[in-house]
PDB file of N, CA and C in Angstrom:
ATOM      1  N   MET A   1     -58.732   9.884 -50.724  1.00  0.00           N
ATOM      2  CA  MET A   1     -58.597   8.098 -50.663  1.00  0.00           C
ATOM      3  C   MET A   1     -58.064   7.621 -52.115  1.00  0.00           C
ATOM      4  N   LYS A   2     -57.243   6.910 -52.132  1.00  0.00           N
ATOM      5  CA  LYS A   2     -56.947   6.437 -53.749  1.00  0.00           C
ATOM      6  C   LYS A   2     -57.480   5.455 -53.899  1.00  0.00           C
ATOM      7  N   LEU A   3     -57.493   5.399 -55.246  1.00  0.00           N
ATOM      8  CA  LEU A   3     -58.687   4.276 -56.039  1.00  0.00           C
ATOM      9  C   LEU A   3     -57.801   2.995 -55.223  1.00  0.00           C
ATOM     10  N   VAL A   4     -56.727   2.427 -55.653  1.00  0.00           N
ATOM     11  CA  VAL A   4     -55.813   1.433 -55.318  1.00  0.00           C
ATOM     12  C   VAL A   4     -56.229   1.285 -53.852  1.00  0.00           C
ATOM     13  N   ASP A   5     -56.322   1.820 -52.909  1.00  0.00           N
ATOM     14  CA  ASP A   5     -56.390   1.785 -51.538  1.00  0.00           C
ATOM     15  C   ASP A   5     -58.401   1.614 -51.171  1.00  0.00           C
ATOM     16  N   ALA A   6     -59.029   2.083 -52.129  1.00  0.00           N
ATOM     17  CA  ALA A   6     -60.502   1.950 -51.734  1.00  0.00           C
ATOM     18  C   ALA A   6     -60.233   0.510 -52.463  1.00  0.00           C
ATOM     19  N   LEU A   7     -59.815  -0.082 -53.536  1.00  0.00           N
ATOM     20  CA  LEU A   7     -60.190  -1.516 -53.955  1.00  0.00           C
ATOM     21  C   LEU A   7     -59.554  -2.324 -53.324  1.00  0.00           C
ATOM     22  N   ASN A   8     -58.608  -1.824 -52.108  1.00  0.00           N
ATOM     23  CA  ASN A   8     -58.391  -2.936 -51.261  1.00  0.00           C
ATOM     24  C   ASN A   8     -59.211  -3.110 -50.003  1.00  0.00           C
ATOM     25  N   GLU A   9     -59.808  -1.851 -49.677  1.00  0.00           N
ATOM     26  CA  GLU A   9     -60.649  -1.856 -48.313  1.00  0.00           C
ATOM     27  C   GLU A   9     -62.136  -2.651 -49.043  1.00  0.00           C
ATOM     28  N   GLY A  10     -63.136  -2.380 -50.489  1.00  0.00           N
ATOM     29  CA  GLY A  10     -63.966  -3.236 -50.516  1.00  0.00           C
ATOM     30  C   GLY A  10     -64.460  -3.159 -51.540  1.00  0.00           C
ATOM     31  N   HIS A  11     -65.728  -2.794 -52.262  1.00  0.00           N
ATOM     32  CA  HIS A  11     -65.890  -2.777 -53.593  1.00  0.00           C
ATOM     33  C   HIS A  11     -66.340  -1.185 -54.236  1.00  0.00           C
ATOM     34  N   VAL A  12     -65.655  -1.133 -54.860  1.00  0.00           N
ATOM     35  CA  VAL A  12     -65.527   0.079 -55.457  1.00  0.00           C
ATOM     36  C   VAL A  12     -66.393  -0.308 -57.385  1.00  0.00           C
ATOM     37  N   GLU A  13     -67.094   0.833 -57.090  1.00  0.00           N
ATOM     38  CA  GLU A  13     -67.890   1.106 -58.489  1.00  0.00           C
ATOM     39  C   GLU A  13     -66.827   1.911 -59.329  1.00  0.00           C
ATOM     40  N   ILE A  14     -66.149   1.424 -60.944  1.00  0.00           N
ATOM     41  CA  ILE A  14     -65.689   2.375 -61.417  1.00  0.00           C
ATOM     42  C   ILE A  14     -66.422   2.459 -62.817  1.00  0.00           C
ATOM     43  N   GLU A  15     -65.880   3.556 -63.307  1.00  0.00           N
ATOM     44  CA  GLU A  15     -66.383   3.779 -64.637  1.00  0.00           C
ATOM     45  C   GLU A  15     -65.347   4.128 -65.218  1.00  0.00           C
ATOM     46  N   PHE A  16     -65.149   3.650 -66.785  1.00  0.00           N
ATOM     47  CA  PHE A  16     -64.024   3.971 -67.203  1.00  0.00           C
ATOM     48  C   PHE A  16     -64.595   3.616 -69.098  1.00  0.00           C
ATOM     49  N   LYS A  17     -63.880   4.094 -70.210  1.00  0.00           N
ATOM     50  CA  LYS A  17     -63.795   4.265 -71.345  1.00  0.00           C
ATOM     51  C   LYS A  17     -63.047   3.117 -72.000  1.00  0.00           C
ATOM     52  N   SER A  18     -63.298   2.104 -72.588  1.00  0.00           N
ATOM     53  CA  SER A  18     -62.537   1.120 -73.070  1.00  0.00           C
ATOM     54  C   SER A  18     -61.796   1.563 -74.118  1.00  0.00           C
ATOM     55  N   LEU A  19     -60.263   1.167 -73.961  1.00  0.00           N
ATOM     56  CA  LEU A  19     -59.841   1.254 -74.809  1.00  0.00           C
ATOM     57  C   LEU A  19     -59.968   0.435 -76.533  1.00  0.00           C
ATOM     58  N   ILE A  20     -60.790  -0.296 -76.479  1.00  0.00           N
ATOM     59  CA  ILE A  20     -61.010  -1.389 -77.697  1.00  0.00           C
ATOM     60  C   ILE A  20     -61.966  -0.507 -78.395  1.00  0.00           C
ATOM     61  N   SER A  21     -63.319  -0.354 -77.410  1.00  0.00           N
ATOM     62  CA  SER A  21     -64.280  -0.417 -77.849  1.00  0.00           C
ATOM     63  C   SER A  21     -65.078   1.273 -78.156  1.00  0.00           C
ATOM     64  N   GLY A  22     -64.349   1.747 -77.057  1.00  0.00           N
ATOM     65  CA  GLY A  22     -64.595   3.315 -76.574  1.00  0.00           C
ATOM     66  C   GLY A  22     -65.881   3.606 -76.073  1.00  0.00           C
ATOM     67  N   ARG A  23     -66.428   2.631 -75.736  1.00  0.00           N
ATOM     68  CA  ARG A  23     -67.960   2.441 -75.035  1.00  0.00           C
ATOM     69  C   ARG A  23     -67.645   2.618 -73.300  1.00  0.00           C
ATOM     70  N   LYS A  24     -67.967   3.432 -73.122  1.00  0.00           N
ATOM     71  CA  LYS A  24     -68.298   3.682 -71.301  1.00  0.00           C
ATOM     72  C   LYS A  24     -68.651   2.460 -70.856  1.00  0.00           C
ATOM     73  N   ILE A  25     -67.623   1.907 -69.672  1.00  0.00           N
ATOM     74  CA  ILE A  25     -68.534   0.905 -68.756  1.00  0.00           C
ATOM     75  C   ILE A  25     -68.163   0.722 -67.625  1.00  0.00           C
ATOM     76  N   LYS A  26     -69.458   0.750 -66.673  1.00  0.00           N
ATOM     77  CA  LYS A  26     -69.420   0.147 -64.954  1.00  0.00           C
ATOM     78  C   LYS A  26     -69.697  -0.532 -64.607  1.00  0.00           C
ATOM     79  N   LYS A  27     -68.543  -0.547 -63.563  1.00  0.00           N
ATOM     80  CA  LYS A  27     -68.677  -2.158 -63.294  1.00  0.00           C
ATOM     81  C   LYS A  27     -68.451  -2.416 -61.665  1.00  0.00           C
ATOM     82  N   ILE A  28     -68.449  -3.403 -61.038  1.00  0.00           N
ATOM     83  CA  ILE A  28     -67.845  -3.122 -59.114  1.00  0.00           C
ATOM     84  C   ILE A  28     -66.858  -4.204 -59.400  1.00  0.00           C
ATOM     85  N   TYR A  29     -65.500  -3.436 -58.535  1.00  0.00           N
ATOM     86  CA  TYR A  29     -64.264  -4.287 -58.685  1.00  0.00           C
ATOM     87  C   TYR A  29     -64.150  -3.997 -57.156  1.00  0.00           C
ATOM     88  N   THR A  30     -63.123  -4.985 -56.786  1.00  0.00           N
ATOM     89  CA  THR A  30     -62.189  -4.878 -55.968  1.00  0.00           C
ATOM     90  C   THR A  30     -60.747  -6.110 -56.197  1.00  0.00           C
ATOM     91  N   CYS A  31     -60.152  -5.698 -54.843  1.00  0.00           N
ATOM     92  CA  CYS A  31     -58.664  -6.442 -55.657  1.00  0.00           C
ATOM     93  C   CYS A  31     -57.886  -6.259 -54.207  1.00  0.00           C
ATOM     94  N   ASP A  32     -57.560  -6.897 -53.611  1.00  0.00           N
ATOM     95  CA  ASP A  32     -56.579  -7.151 -52.518  1.00  0.00           C
ATOM     96  C   ASP A  32     -54.679  -7.143 -52.612  1.00  0.00           C
ATOM     97  N   ILE A  33     -54.589  -7.048 -53.919  1.00  0.00           N
ATOM     98  CA  ILE A  33     -53.426  -7.327 -54.284  1.00  0.00           C
ATOM     99  C   ILE A  33     -52.476  -6.622 -54.237  1.00  0.00           C
ATOM    100  N   LYS A  34     -50.970  -6.354 -53.588  1.00  0.00           N
ATOM    101  CA  LYS A  34     -50.058  -4.852 -54.181  1.00  0.00           C
ATOM    102  C   LYS A  34     -49.782  -4.755 -55.395  1.00  0.00           C
ATOM    103  N   GLN A  35     -50.356  -3.694 -55.719  1.00  0.00           N
ATOM    104  CA  GLN A  35     -49.909  -2.749 -57.150  1.00  0.00           C
ATOM    105  C   GLN A  35     -48.913  -1.935 -57.126  1.00  0.00           C
ATOM    106  N   ALA A  36     -47.869  -1.880 -58.096  1.00  0.00           N
ATOM    107  CA  ALA A  36     -46.906  -0.671 -58.542  1.00  0.00           C
ATOM    108  C   ALA A  36     -48.083   0.260 -58.567  1.00  0.00           C
ATOM    109  N   ALA A  37     -47.773   1.628 -57.245  1.00  0.00           N
ATOM    110  CA  ALA A  37     -48.272   2.713 -57.797  1.00  0.00           C
ATOM    111  C   ALA A  37     -48.073   3.864 -59.078  1.00  0.00           C
ATOM    112  N   SER A  38     -46.930   3.310 -59.629  1.00  0.00           N
ATOM    113  CA  SER A  38     -46.211   4.198 -60.514  1.00  0.00           C
ATOM    114  C   SER A  38     -46.931   3.740 -61.874  1.00  0.00           C
ATOM    115  N   SER A  39     -47.787   2.391 -62.285  1.00  0.00           N
ATOM    116  CA  SER A  39     -47.791   1.723 -63.294  1.00  0.00           C
ATOM    117  C   SER A  39     -49.236   2.854 -63.244  1.00  0.00           C
ATOM    118  N   ASP A  40     -49.944   2.863 -65.088  1.00  0.00           N
ATOM    119  CA  ASP A  40     -50.916   3.469 -65.290  1.00  0.00           C
ATOM    120  C   ASP A  40     -51.901   2.012 -65.432  1.00  0.00           C
ATOM    121  N   ALA A  41     -51.510   0.614 -65.463  1.00  0.00           N
ATOM    122  CA  ALA A  41     -52.389  -0.417 -65.315  1.00  0.00           C
ATOM    123  C   ALA A  41     -52.950  -1.128 -63.984  1.00  0.00           C
ATOM    124  N   ILE A  42     -54.112  -0.892 -63.695  1.00  0.00           N
ATOM    125  CA  ILE A  42     -54.103  -1.145 -62.038  1.00  0.00           C
ATOM    126  C   ILE A  42     -55.074  -2.829 -62.349  1.00  0.00           C
ATOM    127  N   VAL A  43     -54.529  -3.923 -62.032  1.00  0.00           N
ATOM    128  CA  VAL A  43     -55.470  -5.217 -61.825  1.00  0.00           C
ATOM    129  C   VAL A  43     -56.748  -5.150 -61.002  1.00  0.00           C
ATOM    130  N   VAL A  44     -58.189  -5.577 -61.432  1.00  0.00           N
ATOM    131  CA  VAL A  44     -58.879  -4.988 -60.489  1.00  0.00           C
ATOM    132  C   VAL A  44     -59.921  -6.578 -60.551  1.00  0.00           C
ATOM    133  N   TRP A  45     -60.712  -7.400 -59.650  1.00  0.00           N
ATOM    134  CA  TRP A  45     -61.535  -8.313 -59.664  1.00  0.00           C
ATOM    135  C   TRP A  45     -63.174  -7.984 -60.052  1.00  0.00           C
ATOM    136  N   ASP A  46     -63.475  -8.681 -61.252  1.00  0.00           N
ATOM    137  CA  ASP A  46     -64.720  -8.154 -61.692  1.00  0.00           C
ATOM    138  C   ASP A  46     -65.558  -9.032 -60.661  1.00  0.00           C
ATOM    139  N   VAL A  47     -66.089  -8.337 -59.800  1.00  0.00           N
ATOM    140  CA  VAL A  47     -67.228  -9.161 -58.285  1.00  0.00           C
ATOM    141  C   VAL A  47     -68.580  -9.749 -58.946  1.00  0.00           C
ATOM    142  N   ILE A  48     -68.976  -9.211 -60.221  1.00  0.00           N
ATOM    143  CA  ILE A  48     -70.331 -10.129 -60.811  1.00  0.00           C
ATOM    144  C   ILE A  48     -69.781 -10.849 -61.485  1.00  0.00           C
ATOM    145  N   ASP A  49     -68.703 -10.917 -62.596  1.00  0.00           N
ATOM    146  CA  ASP A  49     -68.283 -11.829 -63.359  1.00  0.00           C
ATOM    147  C   ASP A  49     -67.462 -12.869 -62.937  1.00  0.00           C
ATOM    148  N   LYS A  50     -66.571 -12.570 -62.225  1.00  0.00           N
ATOM    149  CA  LYS A  50     -65.601 -13.390 -61.408  1.00  0.00           C
ATOM    150  C   LYS A  50     -64.684 -13.406 -62.462  1.00  0.00           C
ATOM    151  N   HIS A  51     -63.887 -12.658 -62.985  1.00  0.00           N
ATOM    152  CA  HIS A  51     -62.783 -12.580 -63.352  1.00  0.00           C
ATOM    153  C   HIS A  51     -61.660 -11.320 -62.965  1.00  0.00           C
ATOM    154  N   PHE A  52     -60.522 -11.763 -63.211  1.00  0.00           N
ATOM    155  CA  PHE A  52     -59.461 -10.270 -63.193  1.00  0.00           C
ATOM    156  C   PHE A  52     -59.693  -9.703 -64.320  1.00  0.00           C
ATOM    157  N   ASP A  53     -59.515  -8.074 -64.686  1.00  0.00           N
ATOM    158  CA  ASP A  53     -59.478  -7.068 -65.619  1.00  0.00           C
ATOM    159  C   ASP A  53     -58.040  -6.226 -64.712  1.00  0.00           C
ATOM    160  N   ASP A  54     -57.493  -5.735 -66.360  1.00  0.00           N
ATOM    161  CA  ASP A  54     -56.734  -4.470 -65.686  1.00  0.00           C
ATOM    162  C   ASP A  54     -57.090  -3.308 -66.161  1.00  0.00           C
ATOM    163  N   ILE A  55     -57.294  -2.514 -65.779  1.00  0.00           N
ATOM    164  CA  ILE A  55     -57.466  -0.691 -66.453  1.00  0.00           C
ATOM    165  C   ILE A  55     -56.720   0.153 -65.933  1.00  0.00           C
ATOM    166  N   ARG A  56     -56.692   1.026 -66.938  1.00  0.00           N
ATOM    167  CA  ARG A  56     -55.740   1.939 -67.320  1.00  0.00           C
ATOM    168  C   ARG A  56     -56.311   2.569 -66.659  1.00  0.00           C
ATOM    169  N   GLN A  57     -55.567   3.692 -65.234  1.00  0.00           N
ATOM    170  CA  GLN A  57     -56.195   4.875 -64.867  1.00  0.00           C
ATOM    171  C   GLN A  57     -56.392   5.822 -65.325  1.00  0.00           C
ATOM    172  N   SER A  58     -55.822   5.894 -66.789  1.00  0.00           N
ATOM    173  CA  SER A  58     -55.836   7.359 -68.001  1.00  0.00           C
ATOM    174  C   SER A  58     -57.325   7.444 -68.240  1.00  0.00           C
ATOM    175  N   THR A  59     -58.030   6.225 -68.672  1.00  0.00           N
ATOM    176  CA  THR A  59     -59.371   5.748 -68.623  1.00  0.00           C
ATOM    177  C   THR A  59     -60.446   5.617 -68.592  1.00  0.00           C
ATOM    178  N   ILE A  60     -60.524   6.096 -66.633  1.00  0.00           N
ATOM    179  CA  ILE A  60     -60.846   5.950 -65.639  1.00  0.00           C
ATOM    180  C   ILE A  60     -62.330   7.504 -65.574  1.00  0.00           C
ATOM    181  N   LEU A  61     -63.043   7.472 -65.445  1.00  0.00           N
ATOM    182  CA  LEU A  61     -63.645   8.669 -65.680  1.00  0.00           C
ATOM    183  C   LEU A  61     -64.080   8.766 -64.413  1.00  0.00           C
ATOM    184  N   GLU A  62     -64.933   7.794 -63.108  1.00  0.00           N
ATOM    185  CA  GLU A  62     -65.346   8.399 -62.237  1.00  0.00           C
ATOM    186  C   GLU A  62     -65.101   6.635 -61.202  1.00  0.00           C
ATOM    187  N   TRP A  63     -65.052   6.792 -60.093  1.00  0.00           N
ATOM    188  CA  TRP A  63     -65.128   5.705 -59.375  1.00  0.00           C
ATOM    189  C   TRP A  63     -65.361   6.361 -57.865  1.00  0.00           C
ATOM    190  N   ARG A  64     -66.237   5.228 -56.951  1.00  0.00           N
ATOM    191  CA  ARG A  64     -66.375   5.319 -55.589  1.00  0.00           C
ATOM    192  C   ARG A  64     -66.575   4.534 -55.215  1.00  0.00           C
ATOM    193  N   LEU A  65     -66.642   4.279 -53.963  1.00  0.00           N
ATOM    194  CA  LEU A  65     -66.018   3.138 -52.865  1.00  0.00           C
ATOM    195  C   LEU A  65     -67.437   3.079 -52.466  1.00  0.00           C
ATOM    196  N   LEU A  66     -68.255   1.238 -52.435  1.00  0.00           N
ATOM    197  CA  LEU A  66     -69.360   1.403 -52.044  1.00  0.00           C
ATOM    198  C   LEU A  66     -69.668   0.695 -50.655  1.00  0.00           C
ATOM    199  N   ASN A  67     -70.702   1.213 -49.874  1.00  0.00           N
ATOM    200  CA  ASN A  67     -71.000   0.862 -48.412  1.00  0.00           C
ATOM    201  C   ASN A  67     -70.937  -0.295 -48.427  1.00  0.00           C
ATOM    202  N   GLU A  68     -70.980  -1.082 -47.700  1.00  0.00           N
ATOM    203  CA  GLU A  68     -71.385  -2.736 -47.392  1.00  0.00           C
ATOM    204  C   GLU A  68     -71.801  -3.123 -46.277  1.00  0.00           C
TER     205      GLU A  68
END
């Protein structure tokens, strides 16, 4: 399963490296908007802090679909 498909299906825990600080960040996201498959950046909804973020796929260390 691809990350974008998982985000459309439910909540996904994503760990990535911040481009600004270089630190590892792990948060829970979802998103049900159509996204360009060719883009390195994906738009996600932070379910805890309730705001949109964009994450570069090249910075993602790991992700997993959470059971709901």
